[in-house]
Amino acid sequence: VEVVGVNGGGGGGEQRLLQLFHEYEQRETREAIVVKDLDLLDMILQAQEYETQTYNDNDGGVGVGQKGIDLEEFFQGTPPSRFQDAKLREVAEEVHRQRGEDMARRRRLAVVVEGDGD
């Protein structure tokens, strides 16, 4: 990572910024752990919201030919075990649980809808 012109350059700001970035990536401090976990949580919350939005925008897939978007890879890549902060891990577990329920409900609905078309 190359940082140019931080704090007018030459004032040591570049080194401090790189130090903070490394601290964040390595989760070296309590603050870095929380910030990194919040970043991960933000990612799965956005993925969940996008899945819900595209599903609802497509009328749940009924009569549209689309059933929304499936962002499973975001959830597989961000399991609750990746969270180091216990409280944020609990939130991530709840997001995963709710998503699992949503996906199961959508699959049941898709089977019912497909069955009505025969």
C-alpha atoms as a PDB file:
ATOM      1  CA  VAL A   1       0.000   0.000   0.000  1.00  0.00           C
ATOM      2  CA  GLU A   2       1.403   3.367  -0.956  1.00  0.00           C
ATOM      3  CA  VAL A   3       0.067   6.442   0.779  1.00  0.00           C
ATOM      4  CA  VAL A   4       1.001   9.775  -0.743  1.00  0.00           C
ATOM      5  CA  GLY A   5       0.344  13.248   0.577  1.00  0.00           C
ATOM      6  CA  VAL A   6      -1.217  12.428   3.959  1.00  0.00           C
ATOM      7  CA  ASN A   7      -1.026  15.449   6.268  1.00  0.00           C
ATOM      8  CA  GLY A   8       0.816  17.414   3.608  1.00  0.00           C
ATOM      9  CA  GLY A   9       3.491  14.752   3.224  1.00  0.00           C
ATOM     10  CA  GLY A  10       6.669  14.374   5.169  1.00  0.00           C
ATOM     11  CA  GLY A  11       4.974  14.792   8.558  1.00  0.00           C
ATOM     12  CA  GLY A  12       4.902  11.122   9.447  1.00  0.00           C
ATOM     13  CA  GLY A  13       1.226  10.846   8.605  1.00  0.00           C
ATOM     14  CA  GLU A  14       1.891   8.198   5.988  1.00  0.00           C
ATOM     15  CA  GLN A  15       3.567   5.929   8.519  1.00  0.00           C
ATOM     16  CA  ARG A  16       0.784   6.435  11.054  1.00  0.00           C
ATOM     17  CA  LEU A  17      -1.869   5.640   8.468  1.00  0.00           C
ATOM     18  CA  LEU A  18      -0.028   2.495   7.411  1.00  0.00           C
ATOM     19  CA  GLN A  19       0.372   1.521  11.055  1.00  0.00           C
ATOM     20  CA  LEU A  20      -3.372   1.908  11.651  1.00  0.00           C
ATOM     21  CA  PHE A  21      -4.193  -0.036   8.497  1.00  0.00           C
ATOM     22  CA  HIS A  22      -1.900  -2.880   9.576  1.00  0.00           C
ATOM     23  CA  GLU A  23      -3.414  -2.795  13.080  1.00  0.00           C
ATOM     24  CA  TYR A  24      -6.895  -3.046  11.533  1.00  0.00           C
ATOM     25  CA  GLU A  25      -6.007  -5.881   9.165  1.00  0.00           C
ATOM     26  CA  GLN A  26      -4.201  -7.863  11.882  1.00  0.00           C
ATOM     27  CA  ARG A  27      -6.779  -7.035  14.580  1.00  0.00           C
ATOM     28  CA  GLU A  28      -3.994  -6.052  16.943  1.00  0.00           C
ATOM     29  CA  THR A  29      -6.065  -3.878  19.294  1.00  0.00           C
ATOM     30  CA  ARG A  30      -9.547  -3.947  20.771  1.00  0.00           C
ATOM     31  CA  GLU A  31     -10.535  -1.038  18.525  1.00  0.00           C
ATOM     32  CA  ALA A  32      -9.219  -2.810  15.434  1.00  0.00           C
ATOM     33  CA  ILE A  33     -11.155  -5.959  16.345  1.00  0.00           C
ATOM     34  CA  VAL A  34     -14.405  -4.039  16.713  1.00  0.00           C
ATOM     35  CA  VAL A  35     -13.904  -2.019  13.525  1.00  0.00           C
ATOM     36  CA  LYS A  36     -13.024  -5.131  11.475  1.00  0.00           C
ATOM     37  CA  ASP A  37     -16.000  -7.039  12.908  1.00  0.00           C
ATOM     38  CA  LEU A  38     -18.292  -4.097  12.156  1.00  0.00           C
ATOM     39  CA  ASP A  39     -16.961  -4.087   8.596  1.00  0.00           C
ATOM     40  CA  LEU A  40     -17.783  -7.794   8.249  1.00  0.00           C
ATOM     41  CA  LEU A  41     -21.209  -7.286   9.803  1.00  0.00           C
ATOM     42  CA  ASP A  42     -21.925  -4.407   7.440  1.00  0.00           C
ATOM     43  CA  MET A  43     -21.114  -6.670   4.494  1.00  0.00           C
ATOM     44  CA  ILE A  44     -23.569  -9.410   5.457  1.00  0.00           C
ATOM     45  CA  LEU A  45     -26.270  -6.922   6.430  1.00  0.00           C
ATOM     46  CA  GLN A  46     -25.957  -5.250   3.026  1.00  0.00           C
ATOM     47  CA  ALA A  47     -26.055  -8.656   1.308  1.00  0.00           C
ATOM     48  CA  GLN A  48     -29.164  -9.632   3.270  1.00  0.00           C
ATOM     49  CA  GLU A  49     -30.853  -6.332   2.465  1.00  0.00           C
ATOM     50  CA  TYR A  50     -29.991  -6.633  -1.236  1.00  0.00           C
ATOM     51  CA  GLU A  51     -31.352 -10.198  -1.369  1.00  0.00           C
ATOM     52  CA  THR A  52     -34.571  -9.084   0.325  1.00  0.00           C
ATOM     53  CA  GLN A  53     -34.923  -6.036  -1.883  1.00  0.00           C
ATOM     54  CA  THR A  54     -34.412  -7.925  -5.150  1.00  0.00           C
ATOM     55  CA  TYR A  55     -36.763 -10.691  -3.993  1.00  0.00           C
ATOM     56  CA  ASN A  56     -39.475  -8.176  -3.097  1.00  0.00           C
ATOM     57  CA  ASP A  57     -38.878  -6.124  -6.262  1.00  0.00           C
ATOM     58  CA  ASN A  58     -39.496  -9.286  -8.271  1.00  0.00           C
ATOM     59  CA  ASP A  59     -42.766  -9.950  -6.445  1.00  0.00           C
ATOM     60  CA  GLY A  60     -41.158 -12.886  -4.723  1.00  0.00           C
ATOM     61  CA  GLY A  61     -40.474 -14.471  -8.074  1.00  0.00           C
ATOM     62  CA  VAL A  62     -44.176 -15.040  -8.680  1.00  0.00           C
ATOM     63  CA  GLY A  63     -44.915 -14.653 -12.355  1.00  0.00           C
ATOM     64  CA  VAL A  64     -41.679 -12.792 -13.024  1.00  0.00           C
ATOM     65  CA  GLY A  65     -39.295 -15.611 -13.816  1.00  0.00           C
ATOM     66  CA  GLN A  66     -36.785 -14.332 -11.276  1.00  0.00           C
ATOM     67  CA  LYS A  67     -36.593 -15.151  -7.618  1.00  0.00           C
ATOM     68  CA  GLY A  68     -34.265 -12.371  -6.553  1.00  0.00           C
ATOM     69  CA  ILE A  69     -30.558 -12.660  -6.111  1.00  0.00           C
ATOM     70  CA  ASP A  70     -28.739 -15.219  -3.951  1.00  0.00           C
ATOM     71  CA  LEU A  71     -25.623 -13.860  -2.267  1.00  0.00           C
ATOM     72  CA  GLU A  72     -24.737 -17.075  -0.460  1.00  0.00           C
ATOM     73  CA  GLU A  73     -21.025 -16.553  -1.079  1.00  0.00           C
ATOM     74  CA  PHE A  74     -21.044 -13.487   1.180  1.00  0.00           C
ATOM     75  CA  PHE A  75     -22.557 -15.494   4.018  1.00  0.00           C
ATOM     76  CA  GLN A  76     -20.298 -18.505   3.501  1.00  0.00           C
ATOM     77  CA  GLY A  77     -17.251 -16.238   3.499  1.00  0.00           C
ATOM     78  CA  THR A  78     -18.387 -14.436   6.639  1.00  0.00           C
ATOM     79  CA  PRO A  79     -19.529 -17.060   9.145  1.00  0.00           C
ATOM     80  CA  PRO A  80     -20.071 -15.984  12.754  1.00  0.00           C
ATOM     81  CA  SER A  81     -16.824 -17.755  13.673  1.00  0.00           C
ATOM     82  CA  ARG A  82     -14.881 -14.972  11.879  1.00  0.00           C
ATOM     83  CA  PHE A  83     -16.122 -12.445  14.429  1.00  0.00           C
ATOM     84  CA  GLN A  84     -13.810 -11.942  17.376  1.00  0.00           C
ATOM     85  CA  ASP A  85     -16.055  -9.643  19.413  1.00  0.00           C
ATOM     86  CA  ALA A  86     -18.588 -11.759  21.317  1.00  0.00           C
ATOM     87  CA  LYS A  87     -21.492  -9.302  21.022  1.00  0.00           C
ATOM     88  CA  LEU A  88     -20.936  -8.743  17.310  1.00  0.00           C
ATOM     89  CA  ARG A  89     -20.626 -12.519  16.835  1.00  0.00           C
ATOM     90  CA  GLU A  90     -24.083 -12.859  18.407  1.00  0.00           C
ATOM     91  CA  VAL A  91     -25.463 -10.271  15.986  1.00  0.00           C
ATOM     92  CA  ALA A  92     -23.853 -12.110  13.062  1.00  0.00           C
ATOM     93  CA  GLU A  93     -25.371 -15.387  14.281  1.00  0.00           C
ATOM     94  CA  GLU A  94     -28.787 -13.722  14.318  1.00  0.00           C
ATOM     95  CA  VAL A  95     -28.313 -12.306  10.804  1.00  0.00           C
ATOM     96  CA  HIS A  96     -27.347 -15.777   9.552  1.00  0.00           C
ATOM     97  CA  ARG A  97     -30.313 -17.356  11.371  1.00  0.00           C
ATOM     98  CA  GLN A  98     -32.797 -14.860   9.932  1.00  0.00           C
ATOM     99  CA  ARG A  99     -31.367 -15.269   6.455  1.00  0.00           C
ATOM    100  CA  GLY A 100     -31.674 -19.049   6.754  1.00  0.00           C
ATOM    101  CA  GLU A 101     -35.327 -18.664   7.692  1.00  0.00           C
ATOM    102  CA  ASP A 102     -35.920 -16.235   4.812  1.00  0.00           C
ATOM    103  CA  MET A 103     -34.282 -18.555   2.282  1.00  0.00           C
ATOM    104  CA  ALA A 104     -36.265 -21.578   3.552  1.00  0.00           C
ATOM    105  CA  ARG A 105     -39.503 -19.576   3.289  1.00  0.00           C
ATOM    106  CA  ARG A 106     -38.636 -18.511  -0.259  1.00  0.00           C
ATOM    107  CA  ARG A 107     -37.896 -22.109  -1.260  1.00  0.00           C
ATOM    108  CA  ARG A 108     -41.236 -23.263   0.183  1.00  0.00           C
ATOM    109  CA  LEU A 109     -43.051 -20.474  -1.626  1.00  0.00           C
ATOM    110  CA  ALA A 110     -41.284 -21.292  -4.904  1.00  0.00           C
ATOM    111  CA  VAL A 111     -42.413 -24.940  -4.616  1.00  0.00           C
ATOM    112  CA  VAL A 112     -46.010 -23.841  -3.966  1.00  0.00           C
ATOM    113  CA  VAL A 113     -45.951 -21.376  -6.867  1.00  0.00           C
ATOM    114  CA  GLU A 114     -44.401 -23.907  -9.250  1.00  0.00           C
ATOM    115  CA  GLY A 115     -47.000 -26.451  -8.174  1.00  0.00           C
ATOM    116  CA  ASP A 116     -49.838 -24.019  -8.984  1.00  0.00           C
ATOM    117  CA  GLY A 117     -48.575 -23.608 -12.532  1.00  0.00           C
ATOM    118  CA  ASP A 118     -49.098 -27.288 -13.459  1.00  0.00           C
END
